[in-house]
């Protein structure tokens, strides 16, 4: 199962989520590994996003990650939002996503269920 992690460049939880999911055996795309500076990447996030089976949005995220998550939801991909700082009853538009998790453990459980 291929997972695309969408977050802001400044999101402190990004590395934690990528490392955790890789330890659990998932193939995880990490834009931070191909993008070493604020310039166009050697890789192409659009290709990685299109190739992913699941998109995990890690809060806080900015405009770009919000667009990635929306694009994934519209394409019918499984979408999981990791929103530890807010309640499950977040803003209306996050309800287009399949799952809202408030802990990394909950994200892992959803991925195990989805991967069956």
PDB file of N, CA and C in Angstrom:
ATOM      1  N   UNK A   1       0.847  -1.175   0.000  1.00  0.00           N
ATOM      2  CA  UNK A   1       0.000   0.000   0.000  1.00  0.00           C
ATOM      3  C   UNK A   1       0.893   1.239   0.000  1.00  0.00           C
ATOM      4  N   UNK A   2       0.646   2.150  -0.937  1.00  0.00           N
ATOM      5  CA  UNK A   2       1.427   3.384  -1.055  1.00  0.00           C
ATOM      6  C   UNK A   2       0.693   4.527  -0.367  1.00  0.00           C
ATOM      7  N   UNK A   3       1.435   5.233   0.491  1.00  0.00           N
ATOM      8  CA  UNK A   3       0.840   6.328   1.258  1.00  0.00           C
ATOM      9  C   UNK A   3       1.554   7.629   0.933  1.00  0.00           C
ATOM     10  N   UNK A   4       0.775   8.648   0.689  1.00  0.00           N
ATOM     11  CA  UNK A   4       1.280  10.006   0.468  1.00  0.00           C
ATOM     12  C   UNK A   4       0.951  10.808   1.716  1.00  0.00           C
ATOM     13  N   UNK A   5       1.967  11.378   2.359  1.00  0.00           N
ATOM     14  CA  UNK A   5       1.753  12.197   3.553  1.00  0.00           C
ATOM     15  C   UNK A   5       1.748  13.660   3.121  1.00  0.00           C
ATOM     16  N   UNK A   6       0.617  14.325   3.324  1.00  0.00           N
ATOM     17  CA  UNK A   6       0.454  15.732   2.960  1.00  0.00           C
ATOM     18  C   UNK A   6       0.522  16.575   4.219  1.00  0.00           C
ATOM     19  N   UNK A   7       1.445  17.531   4.230  1.00  0.00           N
ATOM     20  CA  UNK A   7       1.567  18.434   5.376  1.00  0.00           C
ATOM     21  C   UNK A   7       2.294  19.685   4.924  1.00  0.00           C
ATOM     22  N   UNK A   8       2.372  20.626   5.812  1.00  0.00           N
ATOM     23  CA  UNK A   8       3.167  21.818   5.554  1.00  0.00           C
ATOM     24  C   UNK A   8       4.636  21.482   5.753  1.00  0.00           C
ATOM     25  N   UNK A   9       5.496  22.212   5.083  1.00  0.00           N
ATOM     26  CA  UNK A   9       6.937  22.050   5.256  1.00  0.00           C
ATOM     27  C   UNK A   9       7.312  22.216   6.731  1.00  0.00           C
ATOM     28  N   UNK A  10       6.575  23.029   7.444  1.00  0.00           N
ATOM     29  CA  UNK A  10       6.902  23.358   8.840  1.00  0.00           C
ATOM     30  C   UNK A  10       6.212  22.459   9.862  1.00  0.00           C
ATOM     31  N   UNK A  11       5.430  21.506   9.438  1.00  0.00           N
ATOM     32  CA  UNK A  11       4.693  20.661  10.374  1.00  0.00           C
ATOM     33  C   UNK A  11       5.658  19.779  11.165  1.00  0.00           C
ATOM     34  N   UNK A  12       5.713  19.957  12.479  1.00  0.00           N
ATOM     35  CA  UNK A  12       6.673  19.179  13.270  1.00  0.00           C
ATOM     36  C   UNK A  12       6.357  17.685  13.325  1.00  0.00           C
ATOM     37  N   UNK A  13       5.100  17.291  13.135  1.00  0.00           N
ATOM     38  CA  UNK A  13       4.718  15.876  13.212  1.00  0.00           C
ATOM     39  C   UNK A  13       5.007  15.100  11.939  1.00  0.00           C
ATOM     40  N   UNK A  14       5.352  15.776  10.874  1.00  0.00           N
ATOM     41  CA  UNK A  14       5.542  15.120   9.581  1.00  0.00           C
ATOM     42  C   UNK A  14       6.517  13.945   9.679  1.00  0.00           C
ATOM     43  N   UNK A  15       7.710  14.194  10.180  1.00  0.00           N
ATOM     44  CA  UNK A  15       8.740  13.143  10.250  1.00  0.00           C
ATOM     45  C   UNK A  15       8.283  11.987  11.137  1.00  0.00           C
ATOM     46  N   UNK A  16       7.617  12.298  12.233  1.00  0.00           N
ATOM     47  CA  UNK A  16       7.109  11.266  13.148  1.00  0.00           C
ATOM     48  C   UNK A  16       6.135  10.337  12.424  1.00  0.00           C
ATOM     49  N   UNK A  17       5.246  10.919  11.648  1.00  0.00           N
ATOM     50  CA  UNK A  17       4.237  10.124  10.930  1.00  0.00           C
ATOM     51  C   UNK A  17       4.910   9.270   9.858  1.00  0.00           C
ATOM     52  N   UNK A  18       5.797   9.862   9.069  1.00  0.00           N
ATOM     53  CA  UNK A  18       6.491   9.109   8.016  1.00  0.00           C
ATOM     54  C   UNK A  18       7.264   7.935   8.621  1.00  0.00           C
ATOM     55  N   UNK A  19       8.029   8.196   9.663  1.00  0.00           N
ATOM     56  CA  UNK A  19       8.821   7.139  10.303  1.00  0.00           C
ATOM     57  C   UNK A  19       7.934   6.042  10.878  1.00  0.00           C
ATOM     58  N   UNK A  20       6.866   6.422  11.535  1.00  0.00           N
ATOM     59  CA  UNK A  20       5.952   5.436  12.138  1.00  0.00           C
ATOM     60  C   UNK A  20       5.334   4.545  11.069  1.00  0.00           C
ATOM     61  N   UNK A  21       4.847   5.137   9.991  1.00  0.00           N
ATOM     62  CA  UNK A  21       4.200   4.354   8.945  1.00  0.00           C
ATOM     63  C   UNK A  21       5.194   3.438   8.239  1.00  0.00           C
ATOM     64  N   UNK A  22       6.414   3.898   8.052  1.00  0.00           N
ATOM     65  CA  UNK A  22       7.438   3.035   7.447  1.00  0.00           C
ATOM     66  C   UNK A  22       7.784   1.866   8.370  1.00  0.00           C
ATOM     67  N   UNK A  23       7.874   2.123   9.664  1.00  0.00           N
ATOM     68  CA  UNK A  23       8.144   1.030  10.618  1.00  0.00           C
ATOM     69  C   UNK A  23       7.036  -0.017  10.573  1.00  0.00           C
ATOM     70  N   UNK A  24       5.824   0.433  10.263  1.00  0.00           N
ATOM     71  CA  UNK A  24       4.692  -0.487  10.174  1.00  0.00           C
ATOM     72  C   UNK A  24       4.625  -1.191   8.818  1.00  0.00           C
ATOM     73  N   UNK A  25       5.588  -0.912   7.950  1.00  0.00           N
ATOM     74  CA  UNK A  25       5.698  -1.637   6.697  1.00  0.00           C
ATOM     75  C   UNK A  25       5.077  -0.991   5.474  1.00  0.00           C
ATOM     76  N   UNK A  26       4.618   0.237   5.592  1.00  0.00           N
ATOM     77  CA  UNK A  26       4.008   0.907   4.448  1.00  0.00           C
ATOM     78  C   UNK A  26       5.066   1.597   3.598  1.00  0.00           C
ATOM     79  N   UNK A  27       4.772   1.699   2.314  1.00  0.00           N
ATOM     80  CA  UNK A  27       5.603   2.479   1.396  1.00  0.00           C
ATOM     81  C   UNK A  27       5.099   3.920   1.481  1.00  0.00           C
ATOM     82  N   UNK A  28       5.954   4.824   1.968  1.00  0.00           N
ATOM     83  CA  UNK A  28       5.520   6.194   2.247  1.00  0.00           C
ATOM     84  C   UNK A  28       6.351   7.178   1.428  1.00  0.00           C
ATOM     85  N   UNK A  29       5.659   8.017   0.669  1.00  0.00           N
ATOM     86  CA  UNK A  29       6.330   9.087  -0.077  1.00  0.00           C
ATOM     87  C   UNK A  29       6.575  10.254   0.871  1.00  0.00           C
ATOM     88  N   UNK A  30       7.811  10.735   0.896  1.00  0.00           N
ATOM     89  CA  UNK A  30       8.179  11.860   1.753  1.00  0.00           C
ATOM     90  C   UNK A  30       8.772  12.960   0.881  1.00  0.00           C
ATOM     91  N   UNK A  31       7.998  13.993   0.637  1.00  0.00           N
ATOM     92  CA  UNK A  31       8.475  15.087  -0.213  1.00  0.00           C
ATOM     93  C   UNK A  31       9.723  15.745   0.361  1.00  0.00           C
ATOM     94  N   UNK A  32       9.933  15.648   1.648  1.00  0.00           N
ATOM     95  CA  UNK A  32      11.115  16.264   2.252  1.00  0.00           C
ATOM     96  C   UNK A  32      12.406  15.564   1.844  1.00  0.00           C
ATOM     97  N   UNK A  33      12.312  14.327   1.410  1.00  0.00           N
ATOM     98  CA  UNK A  33      13.507  13.610   0.968  1.00  0.00           C
ATOM     99  C   UNK A  33      13.928  14.014  -0.434  1.00  0.00           C
ATOM    100  N   UNK A  34      12.992  14.469  -1.250  1.00  0.00           N
ATOM    101  CA  UNK A  34      13.348  14.872  -2.614  1.00  0.00           C
ATOM    102  C   UNK A  34      13.451  16.379  -2.761  1.00  0.00           C
ATOM    103  N   UNK A  35      12.902  17.113  -1.830  1.00  0.00           N
ATOM    104  CA  UNK A  35      12.919  18.570  -1.887  1.00  0.00           C
ATOM    105  C   UNK A  35      13.822  19.095  -0.775  1.00  0.00           C
ATOM    106  N   UNK A  36      14.996  19.501  -1.110  1.00  0.00           N
ATOM    107  CA  UNK A  36      15.942  19.956  -0.100  1.00  0.00           C
ATOM    108  C   UNK A  36      15.895  21.465   0.121  1.00  0.00           C
ATOM    109  N   UNK A  37      15.155  22.175  -0.682  1.00  0.00           N
ATOM    110  CA  UNK A  37      15.047  23.624  -0.526  1.00  0.00           C
ATOM    111  C   UNK A  37      13.722  24.060  -1.124  1.00  0.00           C
ATOM    112  N   UNK A  38      13.390  25.305  -0.952  1.00  0.00           N
ATOM    113  CA  UNK A  38      12.145  25.817  -1.512  1.00  0.00           C
ATOM    114  C   UNK A  38      12.351  26.136  -2.986  1.00  0.00           C
ATOM    115  N   UNK A  39      12.380  25.101  -3.777  1.00  0.00           N
ATOM    116  CA  UNK A  39      12.521  25.198  -5.224  1.00  0.00           C
ATOM    117  C   UNK A  39      11.741  24.025  -5.797  1.00  0.00           C
ATOM    118  N   UNK A  40      11.535  24.008  -7.100  1.00  0.00           N
ATOM    119  CA  UNK A  40      10.847  22.864  -7.685  1.00  0.00           C
ATOM    120  C   UNK A  40      11.681  21.625  -7.439  1.00  0.00           C
ATOM    121  N   UNK A  41      11.011  20.574  -7.078  1.00  0.00           N
ATOM    122  CA  UNK A  41      11.671  19.334  -6.672  1.00  0.00           C
ATOM    123  C   UNK A  41      12.206  18.564  -7.872  1.00  0.00           C
ATOM    124  N   UNK A  42      13.185  17.718  -7.569  1.00  0.00           N
ATOM    125  CA  UNK A  42      13.675  16.783  -8.593  1.00  0.00           C
ATOM    126  C   UNK A  42      12.592  15.752  -8.893  1.00  0.00           C
ATOM    127  N   UNK A  43      11.838  15.390  -7.877  1.00  0.00           N
ATOM    128  CA  UNK A  43      10.710  14.484  -8.070  1.00  0.00           C
ATOM    129  C   UNK A  43       9.479  15.304  -8.406  1.00  0.00           C
ATOM    130  N   UNK A  44       8.368  14.669  -8.546  1.00  0.00           N
ATOM    131  CA  UNK A  44       7.137  15.385  -8.865  1.00  0.00           C
ATOM    132  C   UNK A  44       6.049  14.910  -7.921  1.00  0.00           C
ATOM    133  N   UNK A  45       5.644  15.780  -6.995  1.00  0.00           N
ATOM    134  CA  UNK A  45       4.624  15.419  -6.011  1.00  0.00           C
ATOM    135  C   UNK A  45       3.318  15.001  -6.670  1.00  0.00           C
ATOM    136  N   UNK A  46       2.999  15.588  -7.825  1.00  0.00           N
ATOM    137  CA  UNK A  46       1.742  15.235  -8.482  1.00  0.00           C
ATOM    138  C   UNK A  46       1.734  13.773  -8.906  1.00  0.00           C
ATOM    139  N   UNK A  47       2.874  13.284  -9.368  1.00  0.00           N
ATOM    140  CA  UNK A  47       2.968  11.875  -9.765  1.00  0.00           C
ATOM    141  C   UNK A  47       2.833  10.983  -8.533  1.00  0.00           C
ATOM    142  N   UNK A  48       3.526  11.351  -7.456  1.00  0.00           N
ATOM    143  CA  UNK A  48       3.436  10.566  -6.219  1.00  0.00           C
ATOM    144  C   UNK A  48       2.017  10.572  -5.665  1.00  0.00           C
ATOM    145  N   UNK A  49       1.355  11.709  -5.727  1.00  0.00           N
ATOM    146  CA  UNK A  49      -0.025  11.803  -5.247  1.00  0.00           C
ATOM    147  C   UNK A  49      -0.943  10.921  -6.096  1.00  0.00           C
ATOM    148  N   UNK A  50      -0.780  10.961  -7.399  1.00  0.00           N
ATOM    149  CA  UNK A  50      -1.616  10.149  -8.288  1.00  0.00           C
ATOM    150  C   UNK A  50      -1.369   8.663  -8.081  1.00  0.00           C
ATOM    151  N   UNK A  51      -0.143   8.301  -7.724  1.00  0.00           N
ATOM    152  CA  UNK A  51       0.235   6.898  -7.557  1.00  0.00           C
ATOM    153  C   UNK A  51      -0.159   6.332  -6.195  1.00  0.00           C
ATOM    154  N   UNK A  52      -0.461   7.198  -5.237  1.00  0.00           N
ATOM    155  CA  UNK A  52      -0.760   6.752  -3.871  1.00  0.00           C
ATOM    156  C   UNK A  52      -2.117   6.079  -3.779  1.00  0.00           C
ATOM    157  N   UNK A  53      -2.193   5.127  -2.865  1.00  0.00           N
ATOM    158  CA  UNK A  53      -3.470   4.479  -2.558  1.00  0.00           C
ATOM    159  C   UNK A  53      -4.226   5.260  -1.490  1.00  0.00           C
ATOM    160  N   UNK A  54      -3.456   5.838  -0.561  1.00  0.00           N
ATOM    161  CA  UNK A  54      -4.019   6.536   0.593  1.00  0.00           C
ATOM    162  C   UNK A  54      -3.263   7.846   0.784  1.00  0.00           C
ATOM    163  N   UNK A  55      -3.990   8.888   1.177  1.00  0.00           N
ATOM    164  CA  UNK A  55      -3.365  10.162   1.514  1.00  0.00           C
ATOM    165  C   UNK A  55      -3.658  10.456   2.980  1.00  0.00           C
ATOM    166  N   UNK A  56      -2.580  10.712   3.733  1.00  0.00           N
ATOM    167  CA  UNK A  56      -2.702  11.074   5.143  1.00  0.00           C
ATOM    168  C   UNK A  56      -2.327  12.542   5.267  1.00  0.00           C
ATOM    169  N   UNK A  57      -3.267  13.362   5.674  1.00  0.00           N
ATOM    170  CA  UNK A  57      -3.014  14.779   5.907  1.00  0.00           C
ATOM    171  C   UNK A  57      -2.613  14.972   7.355  1.00  0.00           C
ATOM    172  N   UNK A  58      -1.460  15.588   7.560  1.00  0.00           N
ATOM    173  CA  UNK A  58      -0.932  15.794   8.913  1.00  0.00           C
ATOM    174  C   UNK A  58      -1.018  17.273   9.248  1.00  0.00           C
ATOM    175  N   UNK A  59      -1.803  17.584  10.244  1.00  0.00           N
ATOM    176  CA  UNK A  59      -2.007  18.966  10.671  1.00  0.00           C
ATOM    177  C   UNK A  59      -0.862  19.439  11.556  1.00  0.00           C
ATOM    178  N   UNK A  60      -0.535  20.705  11.526  1.00  0.00           N
ATOM    179  CA  UNK A  60      -1.147  21.750  10.705  1.00  0.00           C
ATOM    180  C   UNK A  60      -0.616  21.689   9.268  1.00  0.00           C
ATOM    181  N   UNK A  61      -1.501  21.950   8.329  1.00  0.00           N
ATOM    182  CA  UNK A  61      -1.088  21.992   6.937  1.00  0.00           C
ATOM    183  C   UNK A  61      -1.561  23.288   6.311  1.00  0.00           C
ATOM    184  N   UNK A  62      -0.863  23.670   5.263  1.00  0.00           N
ATOM    185  CA  UNK A  62      -1.159  24.929   4.602  1.00  0.00           C
ATOM    186  C   UNK A  62      -1.975  24.742   3.341  1.00  0.00           C
ATOM    187  N   UNK A  63      -1.916  25.733   2.487  1.00  0.00           N
ATOM    188  CA  UNK A  63      -2.726  25.727   1.263  1.00  0.00           C
ATOM    189  C   UNK A  63      -2.379  24.567   0.345  1.00  0.00           C
ATOM    190  N   UNK A  64      -1.089  24.311   0.148  1.00  0.00           N
ATOM    191  CA  UNK A  64      -0.695  23.261  -0.797  1.00  0.00           C
ATOM    192  C   UNK A  64      -1.192  21.890  -0.341  1.00  0.00           C
ATOM    193  N   UNK A  65      -0.957  21.549   0.923  1.00  0.00           N
ATOM    194  CA  UNK A  65      -1.400  20.245   1.425  1.00  0.00           C
ATOM    195  C   UNK A  65      -2.925  20.158   1.426  1.00  0.00           C
ATOM    196  N   UNK A  66      -3.597  21.262   1.705  1.00  0.00           N
ATOM    197  CA  UNK A  66      -5.061  21.265   1.654  1.00  0.00           C
ATOM    198  C   UNK A  66      -5.548  20.925   0.252  1.00  0.00           C
ATOM    199  N   UNK A  67      -4.885  21.469  -0.748  1.00  0.00           N
ATOM    200  CA  UNK A  67      -5.242  21.154  -2.134  1.00  0.00           C
ATOM    201  C   UNK A  67      -4.955  19.695  -2.465  1.00  0.00           C
ATOM    202  N   UNK A  68      -3.837  19.171  -1.968  1.00  0.00           N
ATOM    203  CA  UNK A  68      -3.502  17.765  -2.209  1.00  0.00           C
ATOM    204  C   UNK A  68      -4.553  16.848  -1.601  1.00  0.00           C
ATOM    205  N   UNK A  69      -4.961  17.141  -0.380  1.00  0.00           N
ATOM    206  CA  UNK A  69      -5.965  16.323   0.294  1.00  0.00           C
ATOM    207  C   UNK A  69      -7.293  16.399  -0.454  1.00  0.00           C
ATOM    208  N   UNK A  70      -7.689  17.603  -0.857  1.00  0.00           N
ATOM    209  CA  UNK A  70      -8.929  17.766  -1.610  1.00  0.00           C
ATOM    210  C   UNK A  70      -8.891  17.043  -2.943  1.00  0.00           C
ATOM    211  N   UNK A  71      -7.762  17.141  -3.615  1.00  0.00           N
ATOM    212  CA  UNK A  71      -7.614  16.456  -4.905  1.00  0.00           C
ATOM    213  C   UNK A  71      -7.717  14.942  -4.722  1.00  0.00           C
ATOM    214  N   UNK A  72      -7.086  14.427  -3.671  1.00  0.00           N
ATOM    215  CA  UNK A  72      -7.134  12.989  -3.397  1.00  0.00           C
ATOM    216  C   UNK A  72      -8.565  12.542  -3.088  1.00  0.00           C
ATOM    217  N   UNK A  73      -9.275  13.313  -2.276  1.00  0.00           N
ATOM    218  CA  UNK A  73     -10.657  12.974  -1.939  1.00  0.00           C
ATOM    219  C   UNK A  73     -11.528  12.969  -3.188  1.00  0.00           C
ATOM    220  N   UNK A  74     -11.359  13.957  -4.024  1.00  0.00           N
ATOM    221  CA  UNK A  74     -12.138  14.050  -5.260  1.00  0.00           C
ATOM    222  C   UNK A  74     -11.832  12.880  -6.199  1.00  0.00           C
ATOM    223  N   UNK A  75     -10.584  12.403  -6.175  1.00  0.00           N
ATOM    224  CA  UNK A  75     -10.182  11.284  -7.029  1.00  0.00           C
ATOM    225  C   UNK A  75     -10.637   9.937  -6.475  1.00  0.00           C
ATOM    226  N   UNK A  76     -11.258   9.947  -5.295  1.00  0.00           N
ATOM    227  CA  UNK A  76     -11.758   8.714  -4.715  1.00  0.00           C
ATOM    228  C   UNK A  76     -10.725   7.931  -3.926  1.00  0.00           C
ATOM    229  N   UNK A  77      -9.594   8.547  -3.637  1.00  0.00           N
ATOM    230  CA  UNK A  77      -8.579   7.882  -2.814  1.00  0.00           C
ATOM    231  C   UNK A  77      -9.028   7.884  -1.360  1.00  0.00           C
ATOM    232  N   UNK A  78      -8.565   6.920  -0.596  1.00  0.00           N
ATOM    233  CA  UNK A  78      -8.829   6.915   0.836  1.00  0.00           C
ATOM    234  C   UNK A  78      -8.051   8.065   1.452  1.00  0.00           C
ATOM    235  N   UNK A  79      -8.735   8.877   2.245  1.00  0.00           N
ATOM    236  CA  UNK A  79      -8.093  10.029   2.877  1.00  0.00           C
ATOM    237  C   UNK A  79      -8.269   9.950   4.382  1.00  0.00           C
ATOM    238  N   UNK A  80      -7.166  10.235   5.072  1.00  0.00           N
ATOM    239  CA  UNK A  80      -7.146  10.232   6.533  1.00  0.00           C
ATOM    240  C   UNK A  80      -6.567  11.562   6.975  1.00  0.00           C
ATOM    241  N   UNK A  81      -7.256  12.241   7.862  1.00  0.00           N
ATOM    242  CA  UNK A  81      -6.730  13.475   8.435  1.00  0.00           C
ATOM    243  C   UNK A  81      -6.276  13.200   9.861  1.00  0.00           C
ATOM    244  N   UNK A  82      -5.041  13.554  10.131  1.00  0.00           N
ATOM    245  CA  UNK A  82      -4.492  13.456  11.486  1.00  0.00           C
ATOM    246  C   UNK A  82      -4.529  14.861  12.064  1.00  0.00           C
ATOM    247  N   UNK A  83      -5.525  15.096  12.920  1.00  0.00           N
ATOM    248  CA  UNK A  83      -5.792  16.411  13.483  1.00  0.00           C
ATOM    249  C   UNK A  83      -5.781  16.346  15.010  1.00  0.00           C
ATOM    250  N   UNK A  84      -4.611  16.213  15.619  1.00  0.00           N
ATOM    251  CA  UNK A  84      -4.577  16.020  17.070  1.00  0.00           C
ATOM    252  C   UNK A  84      -4.994  17.225  17.889  1.00  0.00           C
ATOM    253  N   UNK A  85      -4.940  18.416  17.331  1.00  0.00           N
ATOM    254  CA  UNK A  85      -5.220  19.602  18.138  1.00  0.00           C
ATOM    255  C   UNK A  85      -6.677  20.046  18.102  1.00  0.00           C
ATOM    256  N   UNK A  86      -7.523  19.343  17.354  1.00  0.00           N
ATOM    257  CA  UNK A  86      -8.927  19.737  17.305  1.00  0.00           C
ATOM    258  C   UNK A  86      -9.825  18.533  17.520  1.00  0.00           C
ATOM    259  N   UNK A  87     -11.067  18.794  17.732  1.00  0.00           N
ATOM    260  CA  UNK A  87     -12.022  17.702  17.932  1.00  0.00           C
ATOM    261  C   UNK A  87     -12.393  17.080  16.591  1.00  0.00           C
ATOM    262  N   UNK A  88     -13.061  15.959  16.660  1.00  0.00           N
ATOM    263  CA  UNK A  88     -13.513  15.281  15.443  1.00  0.00           C
ATOM    264  C   UNK A  88     -14.547  16.110  14.687  1.00  0.00           C
ATOM    265  N   UNK A  89     -15.256  16.945  15.366  1.00  0.00           N
ATOM    266  CA  UNK A  89     -16.271  17.776  14.721  1.00  0.00           C
ATOM    267  C   UNK A  89     -15.627  19.073  14.242  1.00  0.00           C
ATOM    268  N   UNK A  90     -14.722  18.925  13.323  1.00  0.00           N
ATOM    269  CA  UNK A  90     -13.979  20.060  12.791  1.00  0.00           C
ATOM    270  C   UNK A  90     -14.815  20.781  11.735  1.00  0.00           C
ATOM    271  N   UNK A  91     -14.192  21.611  10.969  1.00  0.00           N
ATOM    272  CA  UNK A  91     -14.880  22.380   9.942  1.00  0.00           C
ATOM    273  C   UNK A  91     -15.598  21.471   8.949  1.00  0.00           C
ATOM    274  N   UNK A  92     -16.589  22.006   8.323  1.00  0.00           N
ATOM    275  CA  UNK A  92     -17.461  21.249   7.437  1.00  0.00           C
ATOM    276  C   UNK A  92     -16.704  20.511   6.337  1.00  0.00           C
ATOM    277  N   UNK A  93     -15.786  21.167   5.640  1.00  0.00           N
ATOM    278  CA  UNK A  93     -15.167  20.559   4.463  1.00  0.00           C
ATOM    279  C   UNK A  93     -14.255  19.383   4.784  1.00  0.00           C
ATOM    280  N   UNK A  94     -13.779  19.253   6.015  1.00  0.00           N
ATOM    281  CA  UNK A  94     -12.946  18.081   6.312  1.00  0.00           C
ATOM    282  C   UNK A  94     -13.774  16.798   6.258  1.00  0.00           C
ATOM    283  N   UNK A  95     -15.074  16.942   6.268  1.00  0.00           N
ATOM    284  CA  UNK A  95     -15.936  15.763   6.216  1.00  0.00           C
ATOM    285  C   UNK A  95     -15.936  15.098   4.843  1.00  0.00           C
ATOM    286  N   UNK A  96     -15.277  15.706   3.854  1.00  0.00           N
ATOM    287  CA  UNK A  96     -15.129  15.024   2.564  1.00  0.00           C
ATOM    288  C   UNK A  96     -14.111  13.897   2.676  1.00  0.00           C
ATOM    289  N   UNK A  97     -13.310  13.917   3.739  1.00  0.00           N
ATOM    290  CA  UNK A  97     -12.312  12.883   3.949  1.00  0.00           C
ATOM    291  C   UNK A  97     -12.947  11.667   4.606  1.00  0.00           C
ATOM    292  N   UNK A  98     -12.326  10.526   4.401  1.00  0.00           N
ATOM    293  CA  UNK A  98     -12.888   9.272   4.901  1.00  0.00           C
ATOM    294  C   UNK A  98     -12.755   9.098   6.407  1.00  0.00           C
ATOM    295  N   UNK A  99     -11.645   9.570   6.968  1.00  0.00           N
ATOM    296  CA  UNK A  99     -11.374   9.351   8.388  1.00  0.00           C
ATOM    297  C   UNK A  99     -10.723  10.583   9.001  1.00  0.00           C
ATOM    298  N   UNK A 100     -11.091  10.879  10.234  1.00  0.00           N
ATOM    299  CA  UNK A 100     -10.436  11.934  11.012  1.00  0.00           C
ATOM    300  C   UNK A 100      -9.901  11.274  12.277  1.00  0.00           C
ATOM    301  N   UNK A 101      -8.602  11.402  12.501  1.00  0.00           N
ATOM    302  CA  UNK A 101      -7.954  10.782  13.656  1.00  0.00           C
ATOM    303  C   UNK A 101      -7.336  11.863  14.529  1.00  0.00           C
ATOM    304  N   UNK A 102      -7.374  11.639  15.826  1.00  0.00           N
ATOM    305  CA  UNK A 102      -6.775  12.603  16.747  1.00  0.00           C
ATOM    306  C   UNK A 102      -5.501  12.074  17.397  1.00  0.00           C
ATOM    307  N   UNK A 103      -5.142  10.809  17.112  1.00  0.00           N
ATOM    308  CA  UNK A 103      -3.882  10.244  17.606  1.00  0.00           C
ATOM    309  C   UNK A 103      -3.216   9.457  16.481  1.00  0.00           C
ATOM    310  N   UNK A 104      -1.910   9.301  16.574  1.00  0.00           N
ATOM    311  CA  UNK A 104      -1.189   8.512  15.580  1.00  0.00           C
ATOM    312  C   UNK A 104      -1.598   7.043  15.672  1.00  0.00           C
ATOM    313  N   UNK A 105      -1.919   6.585  16.873  1.00  0.00           N
ATOM    314  CA  UNK A 105      -2.367   5.202  17.043  1.00  0.00           C
ATOM    315  C   UNK A 105      -3.682   4.961  16.304  1.00  0.00           C
ATOM    316  N   UNK A 106      -4.557   5.939  16.349  1.00  0.00           N
ATOM    317  CA  UNK A 106      -5.828   5.829  15.632  1.00  0.00           C
ATOM    318  C   UNK A 106      -5.587   5.790  14.123  1.00  0.00           C
ATOM    319  N   UNK A 107      -4.651   6.593  13.633  1.00  0.00           N
ATOM    320  CA  UNK A 107      -4.291   6.558  12.204  1.00  0.00           C
ATOM    321  C   UNK A 107      -3.807   5.167  11.815  1.00  0.00           C
ATOM    322  N   UNK A 108      -2.944   4.596  12.643  1.00  0.00           N
ATOM    323  CA  UNK A 108      -2.417   3.251  12.378  1.00  0.00           C
ATOM    324  C   UNK A 108      -3.535   2.216  12.335  1.00  0.00           C
ATOM    325  N   UNK A 109      -4.472   2.320  13.256  1.00  0.00           N
ATOM    326  CA  UNK A 109      -5.593   1.381  13.285  1.00  0.00           C
ATOM    327  C   UNK A 109      -6.446   1.499  12.023  1.00  0.00           C
ATOM    328  N   UNK A 110      -6.693   2.722  11.591  1.00  0.00           N
ATOM    329  CA  UNK A 110      -7.464   2.936  10.354  1.00  0.00           C
ATOM    330  C   UNK A 110      -6.727   2.327   9.174  1.00  0.00           C
ATOM    331  N   UNK A 111      -5.425   2.540   9.100  1.00  0.00           N
ATOM    332  CA  UNK A 111      -4.647   1.980   7.987  1.00  0.00           C
ATOM    333  C   UNK A 111      -4.676   0.456   7.990  1.00  0.00           C
ATOM    334  N   UNK A 112      -4.605  -0.153   9.157  1.00  0.00           N
ATOM    335  CA  UNK A 112      -4.691  -1.620   9.230  1.00  0.00           C
ATOM    336  C   UNK A 112      -6.056  -2.089   8.725  1.00  0.00           C
ATOM    337  N   UNK A 113      -7.098  -1.378   9.103  1.00  0.00           N
ATOM    338  CA  UNK A 113      -8.450  -1.749   8.673  1.00  0.00           C
ATOM    339  C   UNK A 113      -8.630  -1.559   7.160  1.00  0.00           C
ATOM    340  N   UNK A 114      -8.152  -0.457   6.651  1.00  0.00           N
ATOM    341  CA  UNK A 114      -8.282  -0.141   5.230  1.00  0.00           C
ATOM    342  C   UNK A 114      -7.458  -1.115   4.390  1.00  0.00           C
ATOM    343  N   UNK A 115      -6.327  -1.542   4.924  1.00  0.00           N
ATOM    344  CA  UNK A 115      -5.431  -2.424   4.194  1.00  0.00           C
ATOM    345  C   UNK A 115      -5.880  -3.869   4.098  1.00  0.00           C
ATOM    346  N   UNK A 116      -6.960  -4.202   4.735  1.00  0.00           N
ATOM    347  CA  UNK A 116      -7.453  -5.597   4.693  1.00  0.00           C
ATOM    348  C   UNK A 116      -8.035  -5.953   3.371  1.00  0.00           C
TER     349      UNK A 116
END
